[in-house]
Amino acid sequence: MDFVTVYKAVTAAQSQIVRSRLEAAEFHPFVPDDLSPFGSDPLALGSGGIRIQVPAEEAEEAKAFLASEPADEPAS
C-alpha cells in the first residue's frame, strides 16, 4: 500500500491533533516519524516536519478535509 504525505506538523502535539482529526473523519492516517527522534519538538523543523500520511486513494479527500477547517481553531 502506498502512502502519501497530506500534512507536515511542526510539533509532536500538532501531529497528534491532525492524526486524530483524520481518524475521526474515518481516514486511515499513519505517522511514520512518530517514534523517531525527529518527532521531538526542537528537531521537527530542521528535519522537515513530522509527516502525516494516508493511503494514496484517500490523499486528495484528506487534503481537502484538512484544508476545510484549521487544526488550530475549534469548529464553530
Protein backbone atom coordinates (compact mmCIF):
# COMPACT_ATOMS: atom_id res chain seq x y z
CA MET A 1 0.00 0.00 0.00
CA ASP A 2 1.37 3.40 -0.98
CA PHE A 3 1.08 6.28 1.48
CA VAL A 4 1.04 9.99 0.63
CA THR A 5 2.00 12.85 2.94
CA VAL A 6 -1.01 15.11 3.42
CA TYR A 7 0.34 17.31 6.21
CA LYS A 8 3.64 18.19 7.90
CA ALA A 9 3.37 19.13 11.55
CA VAL A 10 5.82 21.34 13.40
CA THR A 11 5.36 19.70 16.81
CA ALA A 12 4.51 16.24 18.07
CA ALA A 13 1.34 17.64 19.65
CA GLN A 14 0.23 19.13 16.34
CA SER A 15 0.83 15.82 14.56
CA GLN A 16 -1.38 14.03 17.12
CA ILE A 17 -4.18 16.58 16.66
CA VAL A 18 -4.11 16.23 12.88
CA ARG A 19 -3.96 12.43 13.10
CA SER A 20 -6.94 12.43 15.48
CA ARG A 21 -8.96 14.69 13.16
CA LEU A 22 -8.29 12.37 10.25
CA GLU A 23 -9.20 9.28 12.28
CA ALA A 24 -12.44 10.91 13.46
CA ALA A 25 -13.33 11.55 9.81
CA GLU A 26 -12.70 7.85 9.05
CA PHE A 27 -9.43 8.29 7.18
CA HIS A 28 -6.55 5.91 7.89
CA PRO A 29 -3.61 8.14 8.91
CA PHE A 30 -0.09 6.93 9.51
CA VAL A 31 2.64 9.00 11.20
CA PRO A 32 5.95 7.42 10.15
CA ASP A 33 8.01 9.92 12.15
CA ASP A 34 6.01 9.39 15.36
CA LEU A 35 8.64 7.28 17.12
CA SER A 36 11.72 8.82 15.56
CA PRO A 37 13.95 11.23 17.42
CA PHE A 38 12.81 13.84 14.90
CA GLY A 39 9.37 13.75 16.48
CA SER A 40 10.68 15.84 19.35
CA ASP A 41 9.76 19.50 19.01
CA PRO A 42 13.19 21.17 18.62
CA LEU A 43 14.23 18.90 15.78
CA ALA A 44 10.95 18.85 13.86
CA LEU A 45 11.60 22.00 11.84
CA GLY A 46 15.15 21.02 10.90
CA SER A 47 14.04 17.60 9.73
CA GLY A 48 11.26 18.99 7.53
CA GLY A 49 8.44 18.36 9.97
CA ILE A 50 6.51 15.34 11.19
CA ARG A 51 4.76 13.70 8.26
CA ILE A 52 1.12 12.64 8.47
CA GLN A 53 0.27 10.24 5.68
CA VAL A 54 -2.79 8.42 4.39
CA PRO A 55 -3.24 5.67 1.79
CA ALA A 56 -2.84 7.11 -1.72
CA GLU A 57 -6.51 6.56 -2.57
CA GLU A 58 -7.53 8.80 0.39
CA ALA A 59 -4.96 11.55 -0.20
CA GLU A 60 -6.97 14.11 -2.20
CA GLU A 61 -10.02 13.85 0.03
CA ALA A 62 -7.89 14.02 3.20
CA LYS A 63 -6.08 17.15 1.95
CA ALA A 64 -9.42 18.80 1.18
CA PHE A 65 -10.73 17.83 4.61
CA LEU A 66 -7.70 19.32 6.38
CA ALA A 67 -7.93 22.50 4.31
CA SER A 68 -11.61 22.92 5.18
CA GLU A 69 -11.08 23.52 8.91
CA PRO A 70 -7.89 24.83 10.54
CA ALA A 71 -6.46 22.38 13.10
CA ASP A 72 -5.53 25.22 15.47
CA GLU A 73 -9.08 26.50 15.85
CA PRO A 74 -12.13 24.69 17.23
CA ALA A 75 -15.02 24.04 14.89
CA SER A 76 -17.80 26.61 15.15
